[in-house]
Amino acid sequence: MSRVLRIWIIGLTLLISGAVQASGGGSSSKPLAGSYPIVLAHGLFGWGKATGVVDYWGGNAAYLQSQGATVITPSVTATGSSSQRAVQLKTAIQTAMAAANYTGKVHIIGHSQGGMDARYLVSNLGFSGNVATLTTLNTPHYGSPVANVVLAVIPSWALPYVGTVLNAVVGFVYGQSNENAVAALKLLTTDGAAAFNSSTPNASGVKYYSFGSTITIPDLIQHPAMGLIYPICAIGAPFYGQSVSNDGVVPASSQQWGSWKGGPSYPITTTGIDHLEATNALYLGQAWYDTNGYFLKMASNAKSNQ
């Protein structure tokens, strides 16, 4: 073999090797390596860490961890106002940061009311300096007509009694004593959300992103719970200036805050992604779309904007 031919082959080999390395094929680095810690803030009736097979985040927290991120999954009270839950969220994050001897910033991804908790935390509890990005997922920023309907159905004289019963039931199930279902319900109405927004402006220095999804056909096979509520949300939405399209409880127009990033990709056989499937809660979403890929998309967007 001639010297020129050997040099040409070596050069071609190095070129191919370099291309593979550049594409990540030969690299051992993980996509979320170098990211600020990611805080996953749960929504109404939610919880933080997985308990056995009951996982609010449907394995997505563990997946992000496997991709190189440090993930914090705090628990706050299952029902309550966002001002109340945000205080608990702040304490939980600070405790986790102190335990890790970490003083930098974090990314927050909040699902449903968890997005409102995070917004309150950043804007009203002096935490904006600790947060690089705030991403909300299927959050009712402008309220939900479902909450309006529920509040309208319950007579005002009966509301305290209904609240007491709900607080007792939820407290028993979650082992908590500071539930406030009525406060949560009022917050999630269109009027409650409007008042919340006026007192919770975006904080300077924090980047806001939102993701969300909708049901395309409310079939009860894929959406056994949200499919039943979907018509209530769809019929009520126009009365409050919101879109008919919804995820079962939150209109698409109410999910948008900051820079809107859209939703997950899914096959043609999937009839949209509902409010619970958005996080793969109780593993309800993974049969219908790539939940891990969706969470990686959100986390990667946060990392690229830190």
Protein backbone atom coordinates (compact mmCIF):
# COMPACT_ATOMS: atom_id res chain seq x y z
CA MET A 1 0.00 0.00 0.00
CA SER A 2 1.43 3.37 -0.99
CA ARG A 3 2.23 6.03 1.60
CA VAL A 4 -0.28 8.43 0.03
CA LEU A 5 -3.06 5.82 0.21
CA ARG A 6 -2.31 5.07 3.87
CA ILE A 7 -2.46 8.76 4.74
CA TRP A 8 -5.78 9.09 2.86
CA ILE A 9 -7.31 6.12 4.76
CA ILE A 10 -6.11 7.43 8.13
CA GLY A 11 -7.51 10.86 7.35
CA LEU A 12 -10.88 9.41 6.30
CA THR A 13 -11.02 7.33 9.49
CA LEU A 14 -10.36 10.39 11.65
CA LEU A 15 -12.99 12.37 9.75
CA ILE A 16 -15.65 9.69 10.29
CA SER A 17 -14.66 9.34 13.95
CA GLY A 18 -14.92 13.10 14.43
CA ALA A 19 -18.39 13.15 12.87
CA VAL A 20 -19.59 10.39 15.20
CA GLN A 21 -18.19 12.21 18.21
CA ALA A 22 -19.86 15.45 17.14
CA SER A 23 -23.22 13.73 16.76
CA GLY A 24 -22.95 12.20 20.21
CA GLY A 25 -22.54 8.64 18.95
CA GLY A 26 -19.14 8.25 20.58
CA SER A 27 -19.68 10.52 23.54
CA SER A 28 -20.44 9.31 27.07
CA SER A 29 -21.85 12.68 28.18
CA LYS A 30 -25.52 12.81 29.10
CA PRO A 31 -27.85 15.44 27.63
CA LEU A 32 -28.67 17.05 30.97
CA ALA A 33 -25.15 17.00 32.37
CA GLY A 34 -24.28 20.51 33.54
CA SER A 35 -27.90 21.52 34.05
CA TYR A 36 -28.94 23.36 37.18
CA PRO A 37 -30.99 21.11 39.50
CA ILE A 38 -34.55 20.56 38.30
CA VAL A 39 -37.45 20.95 40.72
CA LEU A 40 -40.68 19.16 39.80
CA ALA A 41 -43.62 20.90 41.51
CA HIS A 42 -46.82 18.82 41.65
CA GLY A 43 -50.36 20.04 41.20
CA LEU A 44 -53.66 19.81 43.06
CA PHE A 45 -54.11 16.46 44.85
CA GLY A 46 -50.51 15.65 43.98
CA TRP A 47 -47.49 14.47 45.88
CA GLY A 48 -43.73 14.51 45.52
CA LYS A 49 -41.68 11.35 45.83
CA ALA A 50 -42.98 8.07 44.49
CA THR A 51 -44.64 5.72 46.96
CA GLY A 52 -44.23 2.18 45.72
CA VAL A 53 -45.80 2.00 42.25
CA VAL A 54 -47.84 5.17 42.86
CA ASP A 55 -45.72 7.79 41.10
CA TYR A 56 -47.15 11.23 40.35
CA TRP A 57 -44.34 11.80 37.84
CA GLY A 58 -44.68 8.36 36.27
CA GLY A 59 -40.97 7.60 36.28
CA ASN A 60 -40.07 10.88 34.55
CA ALA A 61 -38.16 12.22 37.56
CA ALA A 62 -35.99 9.09 37.61
CA TYR A 63 -35.52 9.34 33.85
CA LEU A 64 -34.27 12.93 34.02
CA GLN A 65 -31.90 11.83 36.77
CA SER A 66 -30.57 9.08 34.48
CA GLN A 67 -29.92 11.71 31.81
CA GLY A 68 -27.55 13.65 34.04
CA ALA A 69 -29.82 16.00 35.99
CA THR A 70 -30.21 16.43 39.72
CA VAL A 71 -33.96 16.24 40.32
CA ILE A 72 -35.89 17.43 43.37
CA THR A 73 -39.50 16.28 43.85
CA PRO A 74 -40.87 18.16 46.88
CA SER A 75 -44.26 17.52 48.43
CA VAL A 76 -46.61 20.30 49.48
CA THR A 77 -50.12 20.09 50.86
CA ALA A 78 -52.51 18.35 48.45
CA THR A 79 -55.09 21.15 48.51
CA GLY A 80 -54.69 24.81 49.37
CA SER A 81 -54.01 28.24 47.94
CA SER A 82 -50.83 28.76 45.95
CA SER A 83 -49.67 31.33 48.51
CA GLN A 84 -49.83 28.59 51.15
CA ARG A 85 -48.28 25.88 49.00
CA ALA A 86 -45.52 28.18 47.73
CA VAL A 87 -44.22 28.70 51.27
CA GLN A 88 -43.93 24.94 51.65
CA LEU A 89 -42.31 24.64 48.22
CA LYS A 90 -39.69 27.24 49.15
CA THR A 91 -38.83 25.43 52.38
CA ALA A 92 -38.54 22.09 50.59
CA ILE A 93 -36.23 23.47 47.90
CA GLN A 94 -34.05 25.30 50.40
CA THR A 95 -33.77 22.17 52.53
CA ALA A 96 -32.69 20.08 49.54
CA MET A 97 -30.19 22.72 48.43
CA ALA A 98 -28.71 23.00 51.91
CA ALA A 99 -28.39 19.22 52.20
CA ALA A 100 -26.41 19.20 48.96
CA ASN A 101 -24.40 22.28 49.97
CA TYR A 102 -25.61 23.93 46.78
CA THR A 103 -26.04 27.70 46.50
CA GLY A 104 -26.74 28.15 42.79
CA LYS A 105 -29.93 28.43 40.79
CA VAL A 106 -32.55 25.83 39.92
CA HIS A 107 -35.02 25.17 37.14
CA ILE A 108 -38.65 24.63 38.15
CA ILE A 109 -41.15 22.59 36.14
CA GLY A 110 -44.61 22.90 37.67
CA HIS A 111 -47.59 20.83 36.63
CA SER A 112 -51.12 22.22 36.95
CA GLN A 113 -51.42 24.26 40.16
CA GLY A 114 -47.76 23.52 40.77
CA GLY A 115 -47.00 26.07 38.06
CA MET A 116 -48.97 28.71 39.95
CA ASP A 117 -47.24 27.75 43.20
CA ALA A 118 -43.90 28.25 41.48
CA ARG A 119 -44.93 31.61 40.03
CA TYR A 120 -45.98 32.83 43.49
CA LEU A 121 -42.72 31.54 44.98
CA VAL A 122 -40.63 33.42 42.44
CA SER A 123 -42.60 36.68 42.43
CA ASN A 124 -43.75 37.07 46.03
CA LEU A 125 -41.40 35.13 48.29
CA GLY A 126 -38.07 36.63 47.30
CA PHE A 127 -36.91 33.56 45.40
CA SER A 128 -36.36 34.98 41.91
CA GLY A 129 -32.59 35.08 42.41
CA ASN A 130 -32.58 31.32 42.93
CA VAL A 131 -34.51 30.38 39.78
CA ALA A 132 -33.15 30.44 36.23
CA THR A 133 -36.22 29.19 34.37
CA LEU A 134 -39.82 28.48 35.34
CA THR A 135 -41.67 26.04 33.10
CA THR A 136 -45.37 25.39 33.56
CA LEU A 137 -47.14 22.28 32.30
CA ASN A 138 -50.93 22.23 31.74
CA THR A 139 -51.26 25.02 34.30
CA PRO A 140 -54.60 26.93 34.50
CA HIS A 141 -53.04 30.41 34.39
CA TYR A 142 -56.38 31.98 33.51
CA GLY A 143 -58.49 29.56 35.53
CA SER A 144 -60.68 26.63 34.61
CA PRO A 145 -64.41 26.73 33.80
CA VAL A 146 -64.66 23.39 35.61
CA ALA A 147 -63.79 25.16 38.87
CA ASN A 148 -66.37 27.84 38.05
CA VAL A 149 -69.07 25.22 37.51
CA VAL A 150 -68.25 23.35 40.71
CA LEU A 151 -68.29 26.56 42.74
CA ALA A 152 -71.60 27.60 41.15
CA VAL A 153 -73.23 24.23 41.89
CA ILE A 154 -72.38 24.32 45.60
CA PRO A 155 -74.66 26.78 47.48
CA SER A 156 -72.72 29.44 49.35
CA TRP A 157 -74.24 28.35 52.66
CA ALA A 158 -73.05 24.78 52.07
CA LEU A 159 -69.53 25.63 50.91
CA PRO A 160 -67.96 25.67 54.42
CA TYR A 161 -69.48 22.28 55.21
CA VAL A 162 -68.40 20.77 51.89
CA GLY A 163 -64.93 22.18 52.46
CA THR A 164 -64.74 20.63 55.92
CA VAL A 165 -65.66 17.21 54.57
CA LEU A 166 -63.20 17.45 51.67
CA ASN A 167 -60.42 18.61 53.97
CA ALA A 168 -61.05 15.67 56.29
CA VAL A 169 -61.10 13.13 53.46
CA VAL A 170 -58.03 14.50 51.70
CA GLY A 171 -56.21 14.88 55.00
CA PHE A 172 -56.91 11.25 55.85
CA VAL A 173 -55.76 9.99 52.45
CA TYR A 174 -52.58 12.07 52.40
CA GLY A 175 -51.85 12.03 56.11
CA GLN A 176 -51.94 15.83 56.28
CA SER A 177 -53.84 18.19 58.56
CA ASN A 178 -53.59 21.56 56.80
CA GLU A 179 -55.82 21.02 53.76
CA ASN A 180 -57.89 23.85 52.30
CA ALA A 181 -59.95 22.57 49.38
CA VAL A 182 -62.13 25.69 49.19
CA ALA A 183 -59.09 27.97 48.84
CA ALA A 184 -57.79 25.80 46.00
CA LEU A 185 -61.18 25.79 44.27
CA LYS A 186 -61.55 29.57 44.46
CA LEU A 187 -58.00 30.11 43.15
CA LEU A 188 -58.64 27.92 40.11
CA THR A 189 -61.78 29.78 38.99
CA THR A 190 -61.40 32.38 36.26
CA ASP A 191 -61.90 35.21 38.75
CA GLY A 192 -59.49 33.64 41.22
CA ALA A 193 -56.83 33.24 38.55
CA ALA A 194 -57.31 36.85 37.40
CA ALA A 195 -56.75 38.11 40.93
CA PHE A 196 -53.73 35.84 41.28
CA ASN A 197 -52.20 37.12 38.04
CA SER A 198 -52.61 40.75 39.06
CA SER A 199 -50.69 40.14 42.28
CA THR A 200 -48.13 37.78 40.76
CA PRO A 201 -46.33 39.50 37.89
CA ASN A 202 -43.42 37.82 36.18
CA ALA A 203 -40.15 38.32 38.03
CA SER A 204 -37.27 40.07 36.33
CA GLY A 205 -34.36 37.78 35.53
CA VAL A 206 -36.44 34.60 35.39
CA LYS A 207 -37.31 33.04 32.02
CA TYR A 208 -40.85 31.71 31.73
CA TYR A 209 -41.91 28.85 29.45
CA SER A 210 -45.13 26.89 29.13
CA PHE A 211 -46.03 23.51 27.69
CA GLY A 212 -49.47 21.96 27.44
CA SER A 213 -51.74 19.49 25.72
CA THR A 214 -55.35 18.81 24.76
CA ILE A 215 -57.72 15.93 24.16
CA THR A 216 -58.66 15.57 20.48
CA ILE A 217 -61.41 12.98 21.01
CA PRO A 218 -62.75 12.43 24.55
CA ASP A 219 -62.88 8.65 24.25
CA LEU A 220 -63.24 6.85 27.55
CA ILE A 221 -60.73 4.15 26.67
CA GLN A 222 -57.72 6.44 26.68
CA HIS A 223 -59.29 9.14 28.87
CA PRO A 224 -61.53 7.34 31.40
CA ALA A 225 -61.52 10.23 33.87
CA MET A 226 -60.69 13.34 31.85
CA GLY A 227 -62.96 12.26 29.01
CA LEU A 228 -65.96 12.58 31.31
CA ILE A 229 -65.04 16.10 32.41
CA TYR A 230 -63.93 17.29 28.97
CA PRO A 231 -67.47 18.32 27.79
CA ILE A 232 -68.03 20.44 30.91
CA CYS A 233 -64.80 22.31 30.26
CA ALA A 234 -65.52 22.66 26.54
CA ILE A 235 -69.07 23.95 26.99
CA GLY A 236 -68.18 26.36 29.77
CA ALA A 237 -64.98 27.78 28.27
CA PRO A 238 -66.53 30.22 25.74
CA PHE A 239 -68.54 31.92 28.50
CA TYR A 240 -65.24 32.98 30.04
CA GLY A 241 -63.47 33.88 26.81
CA GLN A 242 -61.44 30.67 26.71
CA SER A 243 -60.84 28.05 24.04
CA VAL A 244 -63.09 25.02 23.66
CA SER A 245 -60.03 22.80 23.20
CA ASN A 246 -58.89 21.47 26.58
CA ASP A 247 -57.07 18.68 28.41
CA GLY A 248 -60.12 17.66 30.43
CA VAL A 249 -59.95 20.44 33.00
CA VAL A 250 -57.79 23.24 31.57
CA PRO A 251 -58.54 25.08 28.29
CA ALA A 252 -55.63 25.30 25.87
CA SER A 253 -55.71 29.10 26.05
CA SER A 254 -55.34 28.98 29.84
CA GLN A 255 -52.19 26.86 29.64
CA GLN A 256 -50.09 29.51 27.89
CA TRP A 257 -47.75 31.69 29.92
CA GLY A 258 -44.42 33.25 28.99
CA SER A 259 -42.92 31.63 25.91
CA TRP A 260 -45.34 28.97 24.66
CA LYS A 261 -43.49 25.80 23.60
CA GLY A 262 -46.39 23.55 22.59
CA GLY A 263 -46.96 19.96 23.61
CA PRO A 264 -45.75 16.40 23.06
CA SER A 265 -45.63 14.47 19.82
CA TYR A 266 -47.85 11.41 19.65
CA PRO A 267 -48.98 8.85 17.08
CA ILE A 268 -52.14 9.22 15.02
CA THR A 269 -53.82 6.50 17.06
CA THR A 270 -53.57 8.61 20.22
CA THR A 271 -56.55 10.89 20.90
CA GLY A 272 -54.58 13.74 22.43
CA ILE A 273 -52.91 13.96 25.82
CA ASP A 274 -55.04 14.75 28.86
CA HIS A 275 -54.25 16.52 32.12
CA LEU A 276 -53.09 13.38 33.95
CA GLU A 277 -51.25 11.86 31.01
CA ALA A 278 -49.18 15.05 30.68
CA THR A 279 -47.00 13.90 33.60
CA ASN A 280 -47.58 10.17 33.09
CA ALA A 281 -49.27 10.26 36.51
CA LEU A 282 -49.91 6.73 37.75
CA TYR A 283 -48.25 5.65 34.46
CA LEU A 284 -51.40 6.57 32.52
CA GLY A 285 -49.61 8.27 29.62
CA GLN A 286 -46.73 6.03 28.58
CA ALA A 287 -48.95 3.68 26.53
CA TRP A 288 -49.96 6.61 24.35
CA TYR A 289 -46.81 8.69 23.82
CA ASP A 290 -43.13 9.07 24.74
CA THR A 291 -43.41 10.64 28.19
CA ASN A 292 -39.67 10.43 28.86
CA GLY A 293 -38.90 12.22 25.60
CA TYR A 294 -41.41 14.95 26.48
CA PHE A 295 -39.86 15.62 29.88
CA LEU A 296 -36.39 15.55 28.34
CA LYS A 297 -37.60 18.20 25.87
CA MET A 298 -38.75 20.46 28.73
CA ALA A 299 -35.59 19.90 30.76
CA SER A 300 -33.34 20.44 27.75
CA ASN A 301 -35.09 23.73 26.98
CA ALA A 302 -34.48 24.82 30.57
CA LYS A 303 -30.81 23.84 30.43
CA SER A 304 -30.22 25.67 27.13
CA ASN A 305 -31.65 28.83 28.70
CA GLN A 306 -29.84 28.79 32.05
